[in-house]
């Protein structure tokens, strides 16, 4: 039985880096008292696994839990748009929405809000399945409907153009059945 919690932890100017977990190498960088870090977790037990990512802000050596209290305006704006993206997802998607429609809609939303998509594959999330090779992505060309999968993640990895800081928030979503 496989049991584990694979993770990627990046901070500071490394938060714009987007790599596959297979290619990720842990940095020797020390987290500062005023820093930004992103933790991306993939807990697994057997064939059951999950996905969760958050960008966390440290100011004066403490985690700032309330986005509105973040002093660094760039970091604050990045986390505010992540919240806005997830709220927009909830207003846009239905069971009939395709992964491709979501891809185009949200990438346009990201651009209109002054950010860029940093994902190394260009996607914004994927289905949660038991066999990784069955995974489908929120990407161009994927005509599958969101309602055809049990669960899917939404994980935009974004930044202001030319910024050294990136932001990521990943949640898992599903449609309730009647």
C-alpha atoms as a PDB file:
ATOM      1  CA  UNK A   1       0.000   0.000   0.000  1.00  0.00           C
ATOM      2  CA  UNK A   2       1.259   3.446  -0.917  1.00  0.00           C
ATOM      3  CA  UNK A   3       0.920   6.015   1.834  1.00  0.00           C
ATOM      4  CA  UNK A   4       2.398   9.460   1.643  1.00  0.00           C
ATOM      5  CA  UNK A   5       2.016  13.171   1.341  1.00  0.00           C
ATOM      6  CA  UNK A   6       4.082  14.446  -1.545  1.00  0.00           C
ATOM      7  CA  UNK A   7       4.637  18.162  -1.497  1.00  0.00           C
ATOM      8  CA  UNK A   8       6.230  21.057  -3.296  1.00  0.00           C
ATOM      9  CA  UNK A   9       7.284  24.026  -1.174  1.00  0.00           C
ATOM     10  CA  UNK A  10       8.585  27.131  -2.914  1.00  0.00           C
ATOM     11  CA  UNK A  11       9.191  30.614  -1.549  1.00  0.00           C
ATOM     12  CA  UNK A  12      10.178  34.129  -2.535  1.00  0.00           C
ATOM     13  CA  UNK A  13      11.214  34.551  -6.151  1.00  0.00           C
ATOM     14  CA  UNK A  14      10.821  30.790  -6.658  1.00  0.00           C
ATOM     15  CA  UNK A  15       7.011  31.116  -6.393  1.00  0.00           C
ATOM     16  CA  UNK A  16       6.789  31.786 -10.137  1.00  0.00           C
ATOM     17  CA  UNK A  17       8.459  28.448 -10.917  1.00  0.00           C
ATOM     18  CA  UNK A  18       6.090  25.815 -12.290  1.00  0.00           C
ATOM     19  CA  UNK A  19       7.410  22.263 -12.523  1.00  0.00           C
ATOM     20  CA  UNK A  20       6.186  18.696 -12.457  1.00  0.00           C
ATOM     21  CA  UNK A  21       6.458  17.013  -9.073  1.00  0.00           C
ATOM     22  CA  UNK A  22       8.827  14.521 -10.703  1.00  0.00           C
ATOM     23  CA  UNK A  23      11.231  17.335 -11.628  1.00  0.00           C
ATOM     24  CA  UNK A  24      10.914  19.333  -8.406  1.00  0.00           C
ATOM     25  CA  UNK A  25      14.107  19.684  -6.371  1.00  0.00           C
ATOM     26  CA  UNK A  26      13.926  21.078  -2.843  1.00  0.00           C
ATOM     27  CA  UNK A  27      15.680  24.422  -2.506  1.00  0.00           C
ATOM     28  CA  UNK A  28      18.179  25.286   0.216  1.00  0.00           C
ATOM     29  CA  UNK A  29      16.551  28.705   0.549  1.00  0.00           C
ATOM     30  CA  UNK A  30      15.669  29.836   4.082  1.00  0.00           C
ATOM     31  CA  UNK A  31      12.243  31.412   4.603  1.00  0.00           C
ATOM     32  CA  UNK A  32      12.527  35.067   5.674  1.00  0.00           C
ATOM     33  CA  UNK A  33      10.499  36.945   8.303  1.00  0.00           C
ATOM     34  CA  UNK A  34       8.735  38.730   5.425  1.00  0.00           C
ATOM     35  CA  UNK A  35       8.211  36.164   2.702  1.00  0.00           C
ATOM     36  CA  UNK A  36       5.776  34.495   0.379  1.00  0.00           C
ATOM     37  CA  UNK A  37       5.591  30.730   0.066  1.00  0.00           C
ATOM     38  CA  UNK A  38       3.457  28.250  -1.808  1.00  0.00           C
ATOM     39  CA  UNK A  39       2.832  24.751  -0.532  1.00  0.00           C
ATOM     40  CA  UNK A  40       1.302  22.215  -2.945  1.00  0.00           C
ATOM     41  CA  UNK A  41       0.280  18.917  -1.328  1.00  0.00           C
ATOM     42  CA  UNK A  42      -0.723  15.585  -2.885  1.00  0.00           C
ATOM     43  CA  UNK A  43      -1.697  13.244  -0.038  1.00  0.00           C
ATOM     44  CA  UNK A  44      -2.196   9.609  -1.047  1.00  0.00           C
ATOM     45  CA  UNK A  45      -3.244   6.323   0.503  1.00  0.00           C
ATOM     46  CA  UNK A  46      -3.466   3.422  -1.934  1.00  0.00           C
ATOM     47  CA  UNK A  47      -5.328   4.601  -5.035  1.00  0.00           C
ATOM     48  CA  UNK A  48      -7.071   7.427  -3.169  1.00  0.00           C
ATOM     49  CA  UNK A  49      -5.402  10.799  -3.354  1.00  0.00           C
ATOM     50  CA  UNK A  50      -6.115  14.472  -3.060  1.00  0.00           C
ATOM     51  CA  UNK A  51      -4.703  17.811  -4.067  1.00  0.00           C
ATOM     52  CA  UNK A  52      -4.408  21.066  -2.144  1.00  0.00           C
ATOM     53  CA  UNK A  53      -2.275  24.180  -2.618  1.00  0.00           C
ATOM     54  CA  UNK A  54      -2.037  27.556  -0.913  1.00  0.00           C
ATOM     55  CA  UNK A  55       0.165  30.608  -1.110  1.00  0.00           C
ATOM     56  CA  UNK A  56       0.962  31.812   2.394  1.00  0.00           C
ATOM     57  CA  UNK A  57       2.228  35.244   3.425  1.00  0.00           C
ATOM     58  CA  UNK A  58       4.622  35.809   6.328  1.00  0.00           C
ATOM     59  CA  UNK A  59       5.040  39.325   7.676  1.00  0.00           C
ATOM     60  CA  UNK A  60       7.108  40.127  10.759  1.00  0.00           C
ATOM     61  CA  UNK A  61       7.687  36.398  11.227  1.00  0.00           C
ATOM     62  CA  UNK A  62       3.982  35.516  11.430  1.00  0.00           C
ATOM     63  CA  UNK A  63       1.483  34.046   8.982  1.00  0.00           C
ATOM     64  CA  UNK A  64      -1.080  36.639   7.900  1.00  0.00           C
ATOM     65  CA  UNK A  65      -4.397  34.744   7.873  1.00  0.00           C
ATOM     66  CA  UNK A  66      -6.560  37.641   6.685  1.00  0.00           C
ATOM     67  CA  UNK A  67      -5.772  38.769   3.133  1.00  0.00           C
ATOM     68  CA  UNK A  68      -6.969  42.295   3.908  1.00  0.00           C
ATOM     69  CA  UNK A  69      -4.281  42.635   6.612  1.00  0.00           C
ATOM     70  CA  UNK A  70      -1.357  41.878   4.266  1.00  0.00           C
ATOM     71  CA  UNK A  71       0.958  44.920   4.123  1.00  0.00           C
ATOM     72  CA  UNK A  72       2.779  44.062   0.879  1.00  0.00           C
ATOM     73  CA  UNK A  73       0.343  45.354  -1.766  1.00  0.00           C
ATOM     74  CA  UNK A  74       1.587  43.074  -4.552  1.00  0.00           C
ATOM     75  CA  UNK A  75       1.153  39.957  -2.405  1.00  0.00           C
ATOM     76  CA  UNK A  76      -2.241  41.188  -1.216  1.00  0.00           C
ATOM     77  CA  UNK A  77      -3.426  41.742  -4.807  1.00  0.00           C
ATOM     78  CA  UNK A  78      -2.229  38.286  -5.843  1.00  0.00           C
ATOM     79  CA  UNK A  79      -4.172  36.533  -3.106  1.00  0.00           C
ATOM     80  CA  UNK A  80      -7.228  38.718  -3.700  1.00  0.00           C
ATOM     81  CA  UNK A  81      -7.361  37.678  -7.362  1.00  0.00           C
ATOM     82  CA  UNK A  82      -7.016  34.003  -6.384  1.00  0.00           C
ATOM     83  CA  UNK A  83     -10.120  34.420  -4.206  1.00  0.00           C
ATOM     84  CA  UNK A  84     -11.868  36.204  -7.073  1.00  0.00           C
ATOM     85  CA  UNK A  85     -10.966  33.397  -9.511  1.00  0.00           C
ATOM     86  CA  UNK A  86     -12.472  30.714  -7.273  1.00  0.00           C
ATOM     87  CA  UNK A  87     -15.620  32.800  -6.742  1.00  0.00           C
ATOM     88  CA  UNK A  88     -15.913  33.304 -10.516  1.00  0.00           C
ATOM     89  CA  UNK A  89     -15.545  29.557 -11.067  1.00  0.00           C
ATOM     90  CA  UNK A  90     -18.587  28.940  -8.877  1.00  0.00           C
ATOM     91  CA  UNK A  91     -20.720  31.399 -10.854  1.00  0.00           C
ATOM     92  CA  UNK A  92     -19.566  30.146 -14.279  1.00  0.00           C
ATOM     93  CA  UNK A  93     -19.533  26.348 -14.202  1.00  0.00           C
ATOM     94  CA  UNK A  94     -22.370  23.890 -14.616  1.00  0.00           C
ATOM     95  CA  UNK A  95     -22.320  20.135 -15.160  1.00  0.00           C
ATOM     96  CA  UNK A  96     -22.513  20.905 -18.896  1.00  0.00           C
ATOM     97  CA  UNK A  97     -19.456  23.198 -18.961  1.00  0.00           C
ATOM     98  CA  UNK A  98     -16.550  21.557 -20.767  1.00  0.00           C
ATOM     99  CA  UNK A  99     -13.015  21.567 -19.429  1.00  0.00           C
ATOM    100  CA  UNK A 100     -12.037  23.555 -22.534  1.00  0.00           C
ATOM    101  CA  UNK A 101     -14.748  26.191 -21.994  1.00  0.00           C
ATOM    102  CA  UNK A 102     -13.553  26.625 -18.417  1.00  0.00           C
ATOM    103  CA  UNK A 103      -9.948  26.875 -19.650  1.00  0.00           C
ATOM    104  CA  UNK A 104     -10.717  29.689 -22.115  1.00  0.00           C
ATOM    105  CA  UNK A 105     -13.077  31.554 -19.795  1.00  0.00           C
ATOM    106  CA  UNK A 106     -10.744  31.568 -16.798  1.00  0.00           C
ATOM    107  CA  UNK A 107      -7.588  32.347 -18.787  1.00  0.00           C
ATOM    108  CA  UNK A 108      -9.397  35.360 -20.245  1.00  0.00           C
ATOM    109  CA  UNK A 109     -10.516  36.335 -16.725  1.00  0.00           C
ATOM    110  CA  UNK A 110      -6.890  36.055 -15.519  1.00  0.00           C
ATOM    111  CA  UNK A 111      -5.653  38.312 -18.353  1.00  0.00           C
ATOM    112  CA  UNK A 112      -8.454  40.877 -17.898  1.00  0.00           C
ATOM    113  CA  UNK A 113      -7.421  41.202 -14.255  1.00  0.00           C
ATOM    114  CA  UNK A 114      -3.795  41.934 -15.174  1.00  0.00           C
ATOM    115  CA  UNK A 115      -2.230  38.531 -14.458  1.00  0.00           C
ATOM    116  CA  UNK A 116      -0.688  35.670 -16.461  1.00  0.00           C
ATOM    117  CA  UNK A 117      -1.064  31.890 -16.152  1.00  0.00           C
ATOM    118  CA  UNK A 118       2.255  30.367 -15.003  1.00  0.00           C
ATOM    119  CA  UNK A 119       1.404  26.658 -15.262  1.00  0.00           C
ATOM    120  CA  UNK A 120       4.137  24.777 -17.154  1.00  0.00           C
ATOM    121  CA  UNK A 121       1.450  22.865 -19.083  1.00  0.00           C
ATOM    122  CA  UNK A 122      -0.841  25.889 -19.430  1.00  0.00           C
ATOM    123  CA  UNK A 123      -3.751  24.197 -17.678  1.00  0.00           C
ATOM    124  CA  UNK A 124      -5.778  25.337 -14.668  1.00  0.00           C
ATOM    125  CA  UNK A 125      -6.532  22.042 -12.939  1.00  0.00           C
ATOM    126  CA  UNK A 126      -7.583  18.457 -13.544  1.00  0.00           C
ATOM    127  CA  UNK A 127      -9.917  15.646 -12.625  1.00  0.00           C
ATOM    128  CA  UNK A 128      -9.280  13.583  -9.500  1.00  0.00           C
ATOM    129  CA  UNK A 129      -9.206   9.909 -10.493  1.00  0.00           C
ATOM    130  CA  UNK A 130      -7.884   6.631  -9.084  1.00  0.00           C
ATOM    131  CA  UNK A 131      -5.494   6.002 -11.979  1.00  0.00           C
ATOM    132  CA  UNK A 132      -3.305   9.002 -12.824  1.00  0.00           C
ATOM    133  CA  UNK A 133      -3.270   8.148 -16.542  1.00  0.00           C
ATOM    134  CA  UNK A 134      -7.081   8.651 -16.550  1.00  0.00           C
ATOM    135  CA  UNK A 135      -6.687  12.268 -15.402  1.00  0.00           C
ATOM    136  CA  UNK A 136      -8.125  14.946 -17.698  1.00  0.00           C
ATOM    137  CA  UNK A 137      -7.118  18.589 -17.589  1.00  0.00           C
ATOM    138  CA  UNK A 138      -8.719  22.027 -17.739  1.00  0.00           C
ATOM    139  CA  UNK A 139      -7.019  22.679 -21.062  1.00  0.00           C
ATOM    140  CA  UNK A 140      -7.537  23.619 -24.689  1.00  0.00           C
ATOM    141  CA  UNK A 141      -9.071  20.763 -26.700  1.00  0.00           C
ATOM    142  CA  UNK A 142     -10.677  18.897 -23.788  1.00  0.00           C
ATOM    143  CA  UNK A 143     -14.354  18.590 -24.763  1.00  0.00           C
ATOM    144  CA  UNK A 144     -15.259  16.464 -21.712  1.00  0.00           C
ATOM    145  CA  UNK A 145     -17.915  17.976 -19.462  1.00  0.00           C
ATOM    146  CA  UNK A 146     -17.150  18.779 -15.842  1.00  0.00           C
ATOM    147  CA  UNK A 147     -20.232  16.762 -14.853  1.00  0.00           C
ATOM    148  CA  UNK A 148     -18.654  13.633 -16.370  1.00  0.00           C
ATOM    149  CA  UNK A 149     -16.033  13.436 -13.599  1.00  0.00           C
ATOM    150  CA  UNK A 150     -16.620  12.887  -9.885  1.00  0.00           C
ATOM    151  CA  UNK A 151     -14.150  15.532  -8.728  1.00  0.00           C
ATOM    152  CA  UNK A 152     -11.943  18.171 -10.307  1.00  0.00           C
ATOM    153  CA  UNK A 153      -9.385  20.646  -9.029  1.00  0.00           C
ATOM    154  CA  UNK A 154      -9.089  24.301  -9.908  1.00  0.00           C
ATOM    155  CA  UNK A 155      -5.547  25.555  -9.298  1.00  0.00           C
ATOM    156  CA  UNK A 156      -4.613  28.696 -11.180  1.00  0.00           C
ATOM    157  CA  UNK A 157      -0.906  29.470 -10.737  1.00  0.00           C
ATOM    158  CA  UNK A 158      -0.675  33.156 -11.626  1.00  0.00           C
ATOM    159  CA  UNK A 159       1.506  36.257 -11.408  1.00  0.00           C
ATOM    160  CA  UNK A 160       1.617  39.851 -12.526  1.00  0.00           C
ATOM    161  CA  UNK A 161       3.557  40.001 -15.830  1.00  0.00           C
ATOM    162  CA  UNK A 162       7.317  40.214 -15.148  1.00  0.00           C
ATOM    163  CA  UNK A 163       6.849  39.844 -11.375  1.00  0.00           C
ATOM    164  CA  UNK A 164       9.122  37.635  -9.307  1.00  0.00           C
ATOM    165  CA  UNK A 165       6.157  36.448  -7.174  1.00  0.00           C
ATOM    166  CA  UNK A 166       3.538  33.841  -8.040  1.00  0.00           C
ATOM    167  CA  UNK A 167       0.280  32.806  -6.370  1.00  0.00           C
ATOM    168  CA  UNK A 168      -1.636  29.550  -6.228  1.00  0.00           C
ATOM    169  CA  UNK A 169      -4.799  28.333  -4.561  1.00  0.00           C
ATOM    170  CA  UNK A 170      -6.075  24.830  -5.266  1.00  0.00           C
ATOM    171  CA  UNK A 171      -9.431  23.473  -4.220  1.00  0.00           C
ATOM    172  CA  UNK A 172     -11.231  20.290  -5.198  1.00  0.00           C
ATOM    173  CA  UNK A 173     -14.779  20.694  -6.529  1.00  0.00           C
ATOM    174  CA  UNK A 174     -17.719  18.411  -7.284  1.00  0.00           C
ATOM    175  CA  UNK A 175     -21.382  18.674  -8.221  1.00  0.00           C
ATOM    176  CA  UNK A 176     -23.975  17.564  -5.690  1.00  0.00           C
ATOM    177  CA  UNK A 177     -26.294  14.856  -6.945  1.00  0.00           C
ATOM    178  CA  UNK A 178     -30.024  14.988  -6.319  1.00  0.00           C
END
